[in-house]
C-alpha atoms as a PDB file:
ATOM      1  CA  MET A   1     -67.513 -47.724 -25.491  1.00  0.00           C
ATOM      2  CA  THR A   2     -69.386 -49.949 -23.084  1.00  0.00           C
ATOM      3  CA  THR A   3     -71.941 -49.089 -20.466  1.00  0.00           C
ATOM      4  CA  ASP A   4     -69.440 -50.148 -17.799  1.00  0.00           C
ATOM      5  CA  GLN A   5     -67.011 -47.460 -19.002  1.00  0.00           C
ATOM      6  CA  LEU A   6     -69.689 -44.760 -18.948  1.00  0.00           C
ATOM      7  CA  ALA A   7     -71.138 -45.571 -15.516  1.00  0.00           C
ATOM      8  CA  PRO A   8     -68.442 -43.698 -13.527  1.00  0.00           C
ATOM      9  CA  LEU A   9     -68.733 -40.699 -15.857  1.00  0.00           C
ATOM     10  CA  GLU A  10     -72.504 -40.583 -15.496  1.00  0.00           C
ATOM     11  CA  HIS A  11     -72.147 -40.852 -11.717  1.00  0.00           C
ATOM     12  CA  LYS A  12     -69.642 -37.944 -11.613  1.00  0.00           C
ATOM     13  CA  LEU A  13     -71.807 -35.813 -13.867  1.00  0.00           C
ATOM     14  CA  GLY A  14     -74.897 -36.531 -11.808  1.00  0.00           C
ATOM     15  CA  ARG A  15     -73.153 -35.505  -8.584  1.00  0.00           C
ATOM     16  CA  LEU A  16     -71.808 -32.374 -10.269  1.00  0.00           C
ATOM     17  CA  LEU A  17     -75.241 -31.309 -11.512  1.00  0.00           C
ATOM     18  CA  VAL A  18     -76.884 -31.947  -8.141  1.00  0.00           C
ATOM     19  CA  ALA A  19     -74.152 -29.991  -6.328  1.00  0.00           C
ATOM     20  CA  GLY A  20     -74.473 -27.100  -8.772  1.00  0.00           C
ATOM     21  CA  VAL A  21     -78.247 -26.919  -8.423  1.00  0.00           C
ATOM     22  CA  PHE A  22     -78.105 -27.103  -4.623  1.00  0.00           C
ATOM     23  CA  ALA A  23     -75.381 -24.436  -4.418  1.00  0.00           C
ATOM     24  CA  SER A  24     -77.322 -22.199  -6.772  1.00  0.00           C
ATOM     25  CA  ALA A  25     -80.517 -22.696  -4.787  1.00  0.00           C
ATOM     26  CA  ALA A  26     -78.719 -21.872  -1.529  1.00  0.00           C
ATOM     27  CA  PHE A  27     -77.352 -18.616  -2.969  1.00  0.00           C
ATOM     28  CA  LEU A  28     -80.733 -17.684  -4.435  1.00  0.00           C
ATOM     29  CA  VAL A  29     -82.671 -18.426  -1.235  1.00  0.00           C
ATOM     30  CA  ALA A  30     -80.181 -16.487   0.897  1.00  0.00           C
ATOM     31  CA  GLY A  31     -80.239 -13.597  -1.561  1.00  0.00           C
ATOM     32  CA  LEU A  32     -84.026 -13.572  -1.663  1.00  0.00           C
ATOM     33  CA  LEU A  33     -84.289 -13.570   2.121  1.00  0.00           C
ATOM     34  CA  LEU A  34     -81.814 -10.687   2.374  1.00  0.00           C
ATOM     35  CA  TRP A  35     -83.630  -8.830  -0.385  1.00  0.00           C
ATOM     36  CA  LEU A  36     -86.963  -9.222   1.410  1.00  0.00           C
ATOM     37  CA  ARG A  37     -85.363  -7.731   4.519  1.00  0.00           C
ATOM     38  CA  ASP A  38     -83.561  -4.908   2.674  1.00  0.00           C
ATOM     39  CA  PRO A  39     -84.317  -4.480  -1.066  1.00  0.00           C
ATOM     40  CA  THR A  40     -81.525  -1.906  -1.482  1.00  0.00           C
ATOM     41  CA  GLY A  41     -78.780  -4.038   0.075  1.00  0.00           C
ATOM     42  CA  SER A  42     -75.788  -5.006  -2.023  1.00  0.00           C
ATOM     43  CA  ALA A  43     -75.342  -8.328  -0.199  1.00  0.00           C
ATOM     44  CA  ALA A  44     -78.708  -9.510  -1.505  1.00  0.00           C
ATOM     45  CA  ALA A  45     -77.812  -8.553  -5.076  1.00  0.00           C
ATOM     46  CA  SER A  46     -74.431 -10.271  -4.770  1.00  0.00           C
ATOM     47  CA  LEU A  47     -75.986 -13.508  -3.509  1.00  0.00           C
ATOM     48  CA  LEU A  48     -78.667 -13.455  -6.202  1.00  0.00           C
ATOM     49  CA  ASN A  49     -76.012 -12.890  -8.873  1.00  0.00           C
ATOM     50  CA  ALA A  50     -73.877 -15.691  -7.412  1.00  0.00           C
ATOM     51  CA  GLY A  51     -76.870 -18.020  -7.573  1.00  0.00           C
ATOM     52  CA  LEU A  52     -77.540 -17.199 -11.206  1.00  0.00           C
ATOM     53  CA  VAL A  53     -73.881 -17.486 -12.205  1.00  0.00           C
ATOM     54  CA  THR A  54     -73.599 -20.824 -10.406  1.00  0.00           C
ATOM     55  CA  LEU A  55     -76.715 -22.070 -12.160  1.00  0.00           C
ATOM     56  CA  MET A  56     -75.352 -21.013 -15.573  1.00  0.00           C
ATOM     57  CA  ALA A  57     -71.840 -22.322 -14.894  1.00  0.00           C
ATOM     58  CA  THR A  58     -72.983 -25.796 -13.860  1.00  0.00           C
ATOM     59  CA  PRO A  59     -73.690 -27.082 -17.405  1.00  0.00           C
ATOM     60  CA  ILE A  60     -70.427 -25.548 -18.642  1.00  0.00           C
ATOM     61  CA  LEU A  61     -68.530 -27.354 -15.896  1.00  0.00           C
ATOM     62  CA  ARG A  62     -70.338 -30.538 -16.911  1.00  0.00           C
ATOM     63  CA  VAL A  63     -68.939 -30.175 -20.426  1.00  0.00           C
ATOM     64  CA  VAL A  64     -65.415 -29.569 -19.080  1.00  0.00           C
ATOM     65  CA  VAL A  65     -65.626 -32.703 -16.915  1.00  0.00           C
ATOM     66  CA  SER A  66     -66.936 -34.651 -19.913  1.00  0.00           C
ATOM     67  CA  VAL A  67     -63.968 -33.573 -22.055  1.00  0.00           C
ATOM     68  CA  THR A  68     -61.465 -34.688 -19.432  1.00  0.00           C
ATOM     69  CA  GLU A  69     -63.191 -38.020 -18.933  1.00  0.00           C
ATOM     70  CA  TYR A  70     -63.431 -38.705 -22.670  1.00  0.00           C
ATOM     71  CA  VAL A  71     -59.714 -37.927 -23.008  1.00  0.00           C
ATOM     72  CA  ARG A  72     -59.012 -40.353 -20.171  1.00  0.00           C
ATOM     73  CA  LEU A  73     -61.127 -42.993 -21.938  1.00  0.00           C
ATOM     74  CA  ARG A  74     -59.416 -42.183 -25.277  1.00  0.00           C
ATOM     75  CA  GLN A  75     -62.762 -41.595 -26.982  1.00  0.00           C
ATOM     76  CA  TRP A  76     -61.491 -39.085 -29.523  1.00  0.00           C
ATOM     77  CA  PHE A  77     -64.752 -38.614 -31.424  1.00  0.00           C
ATOM     78  CA  PHE A  78     -66.531 -37.648 -28.198  1.00  0.00           C
ATOM     79  CA  VAL A  79     -63.594 -35.444 -27.202  1.00  0.00           C
ATOM     80  CA  ALA A  80     -63.930 -33.547 -30.480  1.00  0.00           C
ATOM     81  CA  VAL A  81     -67.707 -33.197 -30.232  1.00  0.00           C
ATOM     82  CA  THR A  82     -67.557 -32.114 -26.591  1.00  0.00           C
ATOM     83  CA  ILE A  83     -64.826 -29.564 -27.345  1.00  0.00           C
ATOM     84  CA  ALA A  84     -67.042 -28.169 -30.114  1.00  0.00           C
ATOM     85  CA  VAL A  85     -69.890 -27.813 -27.612  1.00  0.00           C
ATOM     86  CA  LEU A  86     -67.527 -26.145 -25.130  1.00  0.00           C
ATOM     87  CA  ALA A  87     -66.359 -23.730 -27.844  1.00  0.00           C
ATOM     88  CA  GLU A  88     -69.969 -22.808 -28.652  1.00  0.00           C
ATOM     89  CA  LEU A  89     -70.746 -22.223 -24.983  1.00  0.00           C
ATOM     90  CA  THR A  90     -67.598 -20.120 -24.570  1.00  0.00           C
ATOM     91  CA  VAL A  91     -68.408 -17.937 -27.570  1.00  0.00           C
ATOM     92  CA  THR A  92     -71.971 -17.482 -26.366  1.00  0.00           C
ATOM     93  CA  VAL A  93     -70.905 -16.448 -22.865  1.00  0.00           C
ATOM     94  CA  TRP A  94     -68.210 -14.144 -24.250  1.00  0.00           C
ATOM     95  CA  ALA A  95     -70.690 -12.496 -26.646  1.00  0.00           C
ATOM     96  CA  ALA A  96     -73.239 -12.000 -23.867  1.00  0.00           C
ATOM     97  CA  LEU A  97     -70.648 -10.460 -21.554  1.00  0.00           C
ATOM     98  CA  TYR A  98     -69.417  -8.227 -24.363  1.00  0.00           C
ATOM     99  CA  ARG A  99     -72.949  -7.000 -25.103  1.00  0.00           C
ATOM    100  CA  ILE A 100     -73.581  -6.337 -21.427  1.00  0.00           C
ATOM    101  CA  SER A 101     -70.375  -4.372 -21.055  1.00  0.00           C
ATOM    102  CA  ARG A 102     -71.171  -2.258 -24.131  1.00  0.00           C
ATOM    103  CA  SER A 103     -74.735  -1.403 -23.131  1.00  0.00           C
ATOM    104  CA  PRO A 104     -75.323   2.047 -21.628  1.00  0.00           C
END
């Protein structure tokens, strides 16, 4: 795989990461401002949670985009490795959600 083939992928991934960080920051700032105005408000908690979820989902989305691009480029080794990373991330998120749902 040449650098010319990877340049569009790197550009897409860079834009995706920047968009994810900016969206997360916007949610977190809005949530923080609402929380400072009314610490018991549910809107503040929802925005703060949305900011954190967006921040955590951004790298996962990066892996999904990478898989699709590697399939398009027919780079099967990288497809396999990236799918393994996606599987590990999925299991980790599932386990965390399961533990949260089971806690009192």
